[in-house]
Protein backbone atom coordinates (compact mmCIF):
# COMPACT_ATOMS: atom_id res chain seq x y z
CA MET A 1 93.99 48.97 56.77
CA THR A 2 97.32 47.92 55.34
CA ASN A 3 97.45 51.02 53.14
CA ILE A 4 96.85 53.37 56.08
CA SER A 5 99.50 51.71 58.23
CA GLN A 6 101.93 51.78 55.33
CA ILE A 7 101.18 55.47 54.70
CA MET A 8 101.71 56.23 58.40
CA LYS A 9 105.01 54.35 58.36
CA GLN A 10 106.16 56.30 55.29
CA ALA A 11 105.07 59.57 56.89
CA LYS A 12 107.05 58.78 60.02
CA GLU A 13 110.13 57.88 57.96
CA MET A 14 109.78 61.11 55.99
CA GLN A 15 109.43 63.12 59.17
CA ALA A 16 112.67 61.63 60.48
CA LYS A 17 114.43 62.34 57.17
CA MET A 18 113.15 65.92 57.19
CA ALA A 19 114.39 66.48 60.77
CA GLU A 20 117.79 65.10 59.80
CA MET A 21 117.87 67.25 56.67
CA GLN A 22 116.88 70.37 58.64
CA LYS A 23 119.76 69.78 61.07
CA LYS A 24 122.18 69.30 58.16
CA ILE A 25 120.93 72.49 56.49
CA GLU A 26 121.30 74.50 59.71
CA GLU A 27 124.90 73.29 60.11
CA THR A 28 125.82 74.08 56.51
CA GLU A 29 127.97 77.16 55.99
CA ILE A 30 127.62 79.09 52.73
CA GLU A 31 130.03 81.66 51.32
CA GLY A 32 128.70 84.80 49.67
CA LEU A 33 130.92 86.99 47.50
CA SER A 34 130.83 90.47 46.05
CA GLY A 35 133.24 92.83 44.37
CA GLY A 36 134.90 89.98 42.51
CA GLY A 37 135.69 88.26 45.81
CA ALA A 38 136.92 91.40 47.59
CA VAL A 39 134.24 90.90 50.22
CA LYS A 40 133.39 87.42 51.48
CA VAL A 41 130.86 86.43 54.11
CA ILE A 42 130.07 83.08 55.67
CA ILE A 43 126.48 82.47 56.81
CA ASN A 44 125.13 79.28 58.32
CA GLY A 45 121.84 77.61 57.49
CA LYS A 46 120.16 79.47 60.34
CA HIS A 47 121.00 82.71 58.50
CA VAL A 48 123.55 83.69 61.15
CA LEU A 49 126.50 85.70 59.81
CA LYS A 50 129.61 83.83 60.97
CA LYS A 51 132.49 85.65 59.29
CA ILE A 52 133.31 88.64 57.11
CA THR A 53 136.56 88.87 55.14
CA ILE A 54 137.49 92.13 53.41
CA ASP A 55 140.43 92.52 51.04
CA PRO A 56 142.53 95.30 52.62
CA ASN A 57 143.19 96.77 49.17
CA ILE A 58 139.60 97.97 48.87
CA VAL A 59 139.46 99.77 52.21
CA ASP A 60 139.45 103.52 51.65
CA LYS A 61 137.94 105.92 54.17
CA ASN A 62 136.56 107.96 51.27
CA GLU A 63 134.65 104.96 49.92
CA VAL A 64 132.92 103.60 53.00
CA GLU A 65 129.58 103.54 51.16
CA VAL A 66 131.05 101.30 48.46
CA LEU A 67 132.34 98.90 51.11
CA GLU A 68 128.94 98.89 52.83
CA ASP A 69 127.28 98.05 49.49
CA LEU A 70 129.75 95.23 48.88
CA ILE A 71 129.08 93.74 52.32
CA LEU A 72 125.34 93.97 51.74
CA ALA A 73 125.68 92.28 48.35
CA ALA A 74 127.85 89.47 49.77
CA VAL A 75 125.40 88.79 52.62
CA ASN A 76 122.48 88.75 50.19
CA ASP A 77 124.41 86.37 47.89
CA ALA A 78 125.02 83.93 50.75
CA THR A 79 121.40 84.17 51.95
CA LYS A 80 120.13 83.41 48.44
CA LYS A 81 122.43 80.38 48.25
CA ILE A 82 121.13 79.12 51.61
CA SER A 83 117.54 79.31 50.34
CA GLU A 84 118.49 77.48 47.14
CA ASN A 85 120.34 74.81 49.13
CA MET A 86 117.34 74.29 51.42
CA SER A 87 114.99 74.03 48.45
CA ASN A 88 117.26 71.50 46.71
CA GLN A 89 117.59 69.40 49.87
CA MET A 90 113.83 69.35 50.48
CA ASN A 91 113.16 68.46 46.83
CA SER A 92 115.49 65.49 47.17
CA ILE A 93 113.39 64.19 50.06
CA SER A 94 109.98 64.86 48.56
CA GLY A 95 110.95 63.71 45.06
CA GLY A 96 109.73 60.17 45.60
CA LEU A 97 106.31 61.19 46.89
CA GLY A 98 104.82 62.26 43.61
CA LEU A 99 103.40 65.46 45.10
CA PRO A 100 101.40 67.65 42.75
CA PRO A 101 103.33 70.57 41.20
CA GLY A 102 103.48 73.54 43.55
CA MET A 103 102.82 71.50 46.68
CA LYS A 104 105.75 71.90 49.05
CA LEU A 105 106.87 70.30 52.28
CA PRO A 106 106.40 70.77 55.12
CA PHE A 107 102.66 71.16 54.63
């Protein structure tokens, strides 16, 4: 019985750590860049776009499509970084469990 109670205690501790980590991830703001930094976006861990900054030197009414592409690329860059950050954070929690390769948390 000791093993089961110890496993339950560890599971409860992990659940608390995961909840804390999830909150931290959601509050994290990530910057995405495109066009050599001409377009910058800030997205939080909930994938909510918080801010867009555009270098005024690239704004040309004849090149709106280029600007749209740069914004799209910057948003996608930030979103990718959020996913990588979440994966890294979760790996740091689950690292001590000795989970089989490919098994991810939460289950």
